[in-house]
Amino acid sequence: MNDAILDAEQAHLSNLLEAIQRCVFFLEGSARKLSWPLEAEAIKGRKRDITLFESLAAINERFAKLQDTLGSAMRHAAMLAGEPVDSFLKVLSFYEKSGVIESVTAWQVYRATRNLAAHDYETDYAEIAEHFNALRGLLPALYADAARFVRYCHDTLHIQPASLDFSEDFIAITRRSTD
């Protein structure tokens, strides 16, 4: 790669790292608006509460956005590191072996859990509560994966987020979630 192309690729990863930090910040902000664990009867009692369901929708969207952004960034960083990126499973395996993600299986659980809400318009309040409690339960591990990935990019590729606007919050959230 010539220098201009490499600079552009590194800048793209830097922007993705900032986006990861921003995703964690906003996802955690949405999750903190609710009292956990969610109870089916409480949700049913608030079934017309727009604020509650906007918060739940935001959690779904932000969880998905974080995982998608993290996945894009991992593929991009692997390419910059000279690793095979022809399949995402190879990318995940590389990061599992590198100690960046907990495991390929955990990543697949994140994906399966978030996809359940994306494809199902559930009206059973017990299942709604179960879904969101499952997402909430996955946050510490997903945040830890994000933190290790940002650290990997800094330590290995010498690339950090484009701006540090969300860095302090990101560090605090990811530390708090793993304590």
C-alpha atoms as a PDB file:
ATOM      1  CA  MET A   1       0.000   0.000   0.000  1.00  0.00           C
ATOM      2  CA  ASN A   2       1.269   3.459  -0.694  1.00  0.00           C
ATOM      3  CA  ASP A   3       1.371   5.955   2.190  1.00  0.00           C
ATOM      4  CA  ALA A   4      -1.843   7.801   1.277  1.00  0.00           C
ATOM      5  CA  ILE A   5      -3.842   4.588   1.094  1.00  0.00           C
ATOM      6  CA  LEU A   6      -2.356   3.296   4.354  1.00  0.00           C
ATOM      7  CA  ASP A   7      -3.063   6.641   6.044  1.00  0.00           C
ATOM      8  CA  ALA A   8      -6.676   6.500   4.857  1.00  0.00           C
ATOM      9  CA  GLU A   9      -7.099   2.921   6.107  1.00  0.00           C
ATOM     10  CA  GLN A  10      -5.615   3.816   9.496  1.00  0.00           C
ATOM     11  CA  ALA A  11      -7.845   6.895   9.723  1.00  0.00           C
ATOM     12  CA  HIS A  12     -10.866   4.726   8.954  1.00  0.00           C
ATOM     13  CA  LEU A  13      -9.970   2.366  11.806  1.00  0.00           C
ATOM     14  CA  SER A  14      -9.393   5.344  14.082  1.00  0.00           C
ATOM     15  CA  ASN A  15     -12.912   6.571  13.298  1.00  0.00           C
ATOM     16  CA  LEU A  16     -14.323   3.103  13.951  1.00  0.00           C
ATOM     17  CA  LEU A  17     -12.587   3.035  17.343  1.00  0.00           C
ATOM     18  CA  GLU A  18     -14.201   6.332  18.249  1.00  0.00           C
ATOM     19  CA  ALA A  19     -17.556   4.936  17.101  1.00  0.00           C
ATOM     20  CA  ILE A  20     -17.066   1.881  19.355  1.00  0.00           C
ATOM     21  CA  GLN A  21     -16.442   4.120  22.333  1.00  0.00           C
ATOM     22  CA  ARG A  22     -19.490   6.216  21.485  1.00  0.00           C
ATOM     23  CA  CYS A  23     -21.636   3.073  21.101  1.00  0.00           C
ATOM     24  CA  VAL A  24     -20.602   1.849  24.560  1.00  0.00           C
ATOM     25  CA  PHE A  25     -21.341   5.268  26.077  1.00  0.00           C
ATOM     26  CA  PHE A  26     -24.843   5.508  24.620  1.00  0.00           C
ATOM     27  CA  LEU A  27     -25.714   1.837  25.166  1.00  0.00           C
ATOM     28  CA  GLU A  28     -24.751   2.076  28.812  1.00  0.00           C
ATOM     29  CA  GLY A  29     -26.689   5.340  29.123  1.00  0.00           C
ATOM     30  CA  SER A  30     -29.817   3.655  27.791  1.00  0.00           C
ATOM     31  CA  ALA A  31     -29.354   0.600  30.004  1.00  0.00           C
ATOM     32  CA  ARG A  32     -28.911   2.763  33.113  1.00  0.00           C
ATOM     33  CA  LYS A  33     -32.346   4.311  32.595  1.00  0.00           C
ATOM     34  CA  LEU A  34     -33.983   1.033  33.595  1.00  0.00           C
ATOM     35  CA  SER A  35     -34.171  -0.970  36.813  1.00  0.00           C
ATOM     36  CA  TRP A  36     -32.701  -4.424  36.297  1.00  0.00           C
ATOM     37  CA  PRO A  37     -33.689  -7.183  36.117  1.00  0.00           C
ATOM     38  CA  LEU A  38     -36.836  -6.414  34.177  1.00  0.00           C
ATOM     39  CA  GLU A  39     -39.974  -8.180  35.360  1.00  0.00           C
ATOM     40  CA  ALA A  40     -42.723  -9.336  32.998  1.00  0.00           C
ATOM     41  CA  GLU A  41     -45.511  -7.949  35.184  1.00  0.00           C
ATOM     42  CA  ALA A  42     -43.842  -4.564  35.433  1.00  0.00           C
ATOM     43  CA  ILE A  43     -43.493  -4.375  31.645  1.00  0.00           C
ATOM     44  CA  LYS A  44     -47.077  -5.512  31.181  1.00  0.00           C
ATOM     45  CA  GLY A  45     -48.234  -2.833  33.613  1.00  0.00           C
ATOM     46  CA  ARG A  46     -46.414  -0.253  31.508  1.00  0.00           C
ATOM     47  CA  LYS A  47     -47.338  -1.666  28.096  1.00  0.00           C
ATOM     48  CA  ARG A  48     -48.442   1.789  26.884  1.00  0.00           C
ATOM     49  CA  ASP A  49     -45.402   3.587  28.315  1.00  0.00           C
ATOM     50  CA  ILE A  50     -43.692   5.155  25.338  1.00  0.00           C
ATOM     51  CA  THR A  51     -40.639   6.159  27.360  1.00  0.00           C
ATOM     52  CA  LEU A  52     -40.075   2.572  28.530  1.00  0.00           C
ATOM     53  CA  PHE A  53     -40.433   1.094  25.062  1.00  0.00           C
ATOM     54  CA  GLU A  54     -38.237   3.796  23.523  1.00  0.00           C
ATOM     55  CA  SER A  55     -35.553   2.855  26.054  1.00  0.00           C
ATOM     56  CA  LEU A  56     -35.940  -0.829  25.217  1.00  0.00           C
ATOM     57  CA  ALA A  57     -35.756  -0.086  21.486  1.00  0.00           C
ATOM     58  CA  ALA A  58     -32.648   2.022  22.060  1.00  0.00           C
ATOM     59  CA  ILE A  59     -30.977  -0.841  23.928  1.00  0.00           C
ATOM     60  CA  ASN A  60     -31.728  -3.237  21.068  1.00  0.00           C
ATOM     61  CA  GLU A  61     -30.472  -0.808  18.467  1.00  0.00           C
ATOM     62  CA  ARG A  62     -27.378   0.235  20.381  1.00  0.00           C
ATOM     63  CA  PHE A  63     -26.421  -3.331  21.252  1.00  0.00           C
ATOM     64  CA  ALA A  64     -26.656  -4.242  17.561  1.00  0.00           C
ATOM     65  CA  LYS A  65     -24.784  -1.093  16.525  1.00  0.00           C
ATOM     66  CA  LEU A  66     -21.970  -1.817  18.968  1.00  0.00           C
ATOM     67  CA  GLN A  67     -21.590  -5.380  17.782  1.00  0.00           C
ATOM     68  CA  ASP A  68     -21.733  -4.380  14.109  1.00  0.00           C
ATOM     69  CA  THR A  69     -19.236  -1.553  14.564  1.00  0.00           C
ATOM     70  CA  LEU A  70     -16.910  -3.725  16.609  1.00  0.00           C
ATOM     71  CA  GLY A  71     -17.126  -6.434  13.950  1.00  0.00           C
ATOM     72  CA  SER A  72     -16.325  -3.987  11.148  1.00  0.00           C
ATOM     73  CA  ALA A  73     -13.424  -2.577  13.102  1.00  0.00           C
ATOM     74  CA  MET A  74     -12.063  -6.042  13.898  1.00  0.00           C
ATOM     75  CA  ARG A  75     -12.131  -7.013  10.232  1.00  0.00           C
ATOM     76  CA  HIS A  76     -10.450  -3.742   9.264  1.00  0.00           C
ATOM     77  CA  ALA A  77      -7.763  -4.043  11.946  1.00  0.00           C
ATOM     78  CA  ALA A  78      -7.066  -7.659  10.973  1.00  0.00           C
ATOM     79  CA  MET A  79      -6.580  -6.530   7.378  1.00  0.00           C
ATOM     80  CA  LEU A  80      -4.133  -3.837   8.549  1.00  0.00           C
ATOM     81  CA  ALA A  81      -2.325  -6.480  10.613  1.00  0.00           C
ATOM     82  CA  GLY A  82      -1.970  -8.698   7.538  1.00  0.00           C
ATOM     83  CA  GLU A  83      -4.341 -11.370   8.816  1.00  0.00           C
ATOM     84  CA  PRO A  84      -6.803 -13.246   6.583  1.00  0.00           C
ATOM     85  CA  VAL A  85     -10.164 -11.485   6.392  1.00  0.00           C
ATOM     86  CA  ASP A  86     -11.894 -13.545   3.705  1.00  0.00           C
ATOM     87  CA  SER A  87     -14.323 -14.893   6.315  1.00  0.00           C
ATOM     88  CA  PHE A  88     -15.464 -13.303   9.524  1.00  0.00           C
ATOM     89  CA  LEU A  89     -15.019 -16.613  11.331  1.00  0.00           C
ATOM     90  CA  LYS A  90     -11.272 -16.398  10.572  1.00  0.00           C
ATOM     91  CA  VAL A  91     -11.270 -12.840  11.930  1.00  0.00           C
ATOM     92  CA  LEU A  92     -13.016 -13.970  15.112  1.00  0.00           C
ATOM     93  CA  SER A  93     -10.651 -16.935  15.495  1.00  0.00           C
ATOM     94  CA  PHE A  94      -7.666 -14.609  15.168  1.00  0.00           C
ATOM     95  CA  TYR A  95      -8.989 -12.331  17.905  1.00  0.00           C
ATOM     96  CA  GLU A  96      -9.903 -15.267  20.148  1.00  0.00           C
ATOM     97  CA  LYS A  97      -6.359 -16.643  19.832  1.00  0.00           C
ATOM     98  CA  SER A  98      -4.984 -13.148  20.466  1.00  0.00           C
ATOM     99  CA  GLY A  99      -7.042 -12.836  23.653  1.00  0.00           C
ATOM    100  CA  VAL A 100      -9.014  -9.872  22.337  1.00  0.00           C
ATOM    101  CA  ILE A 101     -12.454 -11.483  22.398  1.00  0.00           C
ATOM    102  CA  GLU A 102     -13.652 -13.888  25.045  1.00  0.00           C
ATOM    103  CA  SER A 103     -14.466 -16.541  22.438  1.00  0.00           C
ATOM    104  CA  VAL A 104     -16.002 -17.133  19.029  1.00  0.00           C
ATOM    105  CA  THR A 105     -18.892 -18.821  20.822  1.00  0.00           C
ATOM    106  CA  ALA A 106     -19.523 -15.745  22.991  1.00  0.00           C
ATOM    107  CA  TRP A 107     -19.579 -13.590  19.853  1.00  0.00           C
ATOM    108  CA  GLN A 108     -22.117 -15.928  18.289  1.00  0.00           C
ATOM    109  CA  VAL A 109     -24.248 -15.739  21.452  1.00  0.00           C
ATOM    110  CA  TYR A 110     -24.201 -11.918  21.231  1.00  0.00           C
ATOM    111  CA  ARG A 111     -25.352 -12.159  17.622  1.00  0.00           C
ATOM    112  CA  ALA A 112     -28.048 -14.758  18.241  1.00  0.00           C
ATOM    113  CA  THR A 113     -29.441 -12.887  21.240  1.00  0.00           C
ATOM    114  CA  ARG A 114     -29.626  -9.570  19.470  1.00  0.00           C
ATOM    115  CA  ASN A 115     -31.139 -11.181  16.359  1.00  0.00           C
ATOM    116  CA  LEU A 116     -34.013 -12.663  18.345  1.00  0.00           C
ATOM    117  CA  ALA A 117     -35.447  -9.190  18.883  1.00  0.00           C
ATOM    118  CA  ALA A 118     -34.738  -8.064  15.360  1.00  0.00           C
ATOM    119  CA  HIS A 119     -36.884 -10.811  13.858  1.00  0.00           C
ATOM    120  CA  ASP A 120     -39.585 -11.244  16.449  1.00  0.00           C
ATOM    121  CA  TYR A 121     -42.313  -8.779  17.366  1.00  0.00           C
ATOM    122  CA  GLU A 122     -42.977 -10.341  20.739  1.00  0.00           C
ATOM    123  CA  THR A 123     -46.065  -9.578  22.790  1.00  0.00           C
ATOM    124  CA  ASP A 124     -45.378 -12.068  25.587  1.00  0.00           C
ATOM    125  CA  TYR A 125     -44.089  -9.849  28.390  1.00  0.00           C
ATOM    126  CA  ALA A 126     -42.145 -12.686  30.022  1.00  0.00           C
ATOM    127  CA  GLU A 127     -40.235 -13.216  26.787  1.00  0.00           C
ATOM    128  CA  ILE A 128     -39.653  -9.475  26.401  1.00  0.00           C
ATOM    129  CA  ALA A 129     -38.229  -9.334  29.928  1.00  0.00           C
ATOM    130  CA  GLU A 130     -36.124 -12.439  29.291  1.00  0.00           C
ATOM    131  CA  HIS A 131     -34.705 -10.977  26.087  1.00  0.00           C
ATOM    132  CA  PHE A 132     -33.690  -7.664  27.624  1.00  0.00           C
ATOM    133  CA  ASN A 133     -32.324  -9.279  30.758  1.00  0.00           C
ATOM    134  CA  ALA A 134     -30.228 -11.519  28.481  1.00  0.00           C
ATOM    135  CA  LEU A 135     -28.911  -8.493  26.584  1.00  0.00           C
ATOM    136  CA  ARG A 136     -28.113  -6.738  29.858  1.00  0.00           C
ATOM    137  CA  GLY A 137     -26.323  -9.839  31.059  1.00  0.00           C
ATOM    138  CA  LEU A 138     -24.134  -9.854  27.942  1.00  0.00           C
ATOM    139  CA  LEU A 139     -23.034  -6.230  28.266  1.00  0.00           C
ATOM    140  CA  PRO A 140     -20.058  -6.768  30.596  1.00  0.00           C
ATOM    141  CA  ALA A 141     -18.517  -9.365  28.273  1.00  0.00           C
ATOM    142  CA  LEU A 142     -19.213  -7.300  25.138  1.00  0.00           C
ATOM    143  CA  TYR A 143     -17.779  -4.187  26.803  1.00  0.00           C
ATOM    144  CA  ALA A 144     -14.701  -6.175  27.851  1.00  0.00           C
ATOM    145  CA  ASP A 145     -14.230  -7.378  24.264  1.00  0.00           C
ATOM    146  CA  ALA A 146     -14.508  -3.779  23.053  1.00  0.00           C
ATOM    147  CA  ALA A 147     -11.980  -2.568  25.621  1.00  0.00           C
ATOM    148  CA  ARG A 148      -9.480  -5.309  24.741  1.00  0.00           C
ATOM    149  CA  PHE A 149      -9.919  -4.548  21.041  1.00  0.00           C
ATOM    150  CA  VAL A 150      -9.298  -0.807  21.495  1.00  0.00           C
ATOM    151  CA  ARG A 151      -6.214  -1.686  23.567  1.00  0.00           C
ATOM    152  CA  TYR A 152      -5.064  -4.157  20.865  1.00  0.00           C
ATOM    153  CA  CYS A 153      -5.314  -1.441  18.208  1.00  0.00           C
ATOM    154  CA  HIS A 154      -3.326   0.955  20.374  1.00  0.00           C
ATOM    155  CA  ASP A 155      -0.643  -1.531  21.426  1.00  0.00           C
ATOM    156  CA  THR A 156      -0.249  -3.508  18.196  1.00  0.00           C
ATOM    157  CA  LEU A 157      -1.220  -1.149  15.387  1.00  0.00           C
ATOM    158  CA  HIS A 158      -0.503   2.139  17.200  1.00  0.00           C
ATOM    159  CA  ILE A 159      -3.951   3.424  16.267  1.00  0.00           C
ATOM    160  CA  GLN A 160      -6.272   5.090  18.718  1.00  0.00           C
ATOM    161  CA  PRO A 161      -9.734   6.645  18.450  1.00  0.00           C
ATOM    162  CA  ALA A 162      -9.987   9.656  16.130  1.00  0.00           C
ATOM    163  CA  SER A 163     -10.935  11.848  19.064  1.00  0.00           C
ATOM    164  CA  LEU A 164     -10.780  11.232  22.765  1.00  0.00           C
ATOM    165  CA  ASP A 165     -14.257  12.703  23.359  1.00  0.00           C
ATOM    166  CA  PHE A 166     -15.612   9.397  24.680  1.00  0.00           C
ATOM    167  CA  SER A 167     -12.379   7.785  25.914  1.00  0.00           C
ATOM    168  CA  GLU A 168     -12.679   8.588  29.623  1.00  0.00           C
ATOM    169  CA  ASP A 169     -16.294   7.430  29.744  1.00  0.00           C
ATOM    170  CA  PHE A 170     -15.437   4.313  27.737  1.00  0.00           C
ATOM    171  CA  ILE A 171     -12.640   3.390  30.137  1.00  0.00           C
ATOM    172  CA  ALA A 172     -14.850   4.011  33.178  1.00  0.00           C
ATOM    173  CA  ILE A 173     -17.760   1.991  31.768  1.00  0.00           C
ATOM    174  CA  THR A 174     -15.639  -0.933  30.643  1.00  0.00           C
ATOM    175  CA  ARG A 175     -13.746  -1.033  33.957  1.00  0.00           C
ATOM    176  CA  ARG A 176     -16.945  -0.802  35.986  1.00  0.00           C
ATOM    177  CA  SER A 177     -18.590  -3.556  33.970  1.00  0.00           C
ATOM    178  CA  THR A 178     -15.740  -5.987  34.590  1.00  0.00           C
ATOM    179  CA  ASP A 179     -15.322  -5.285  38.326  1.00  0.00           C
END
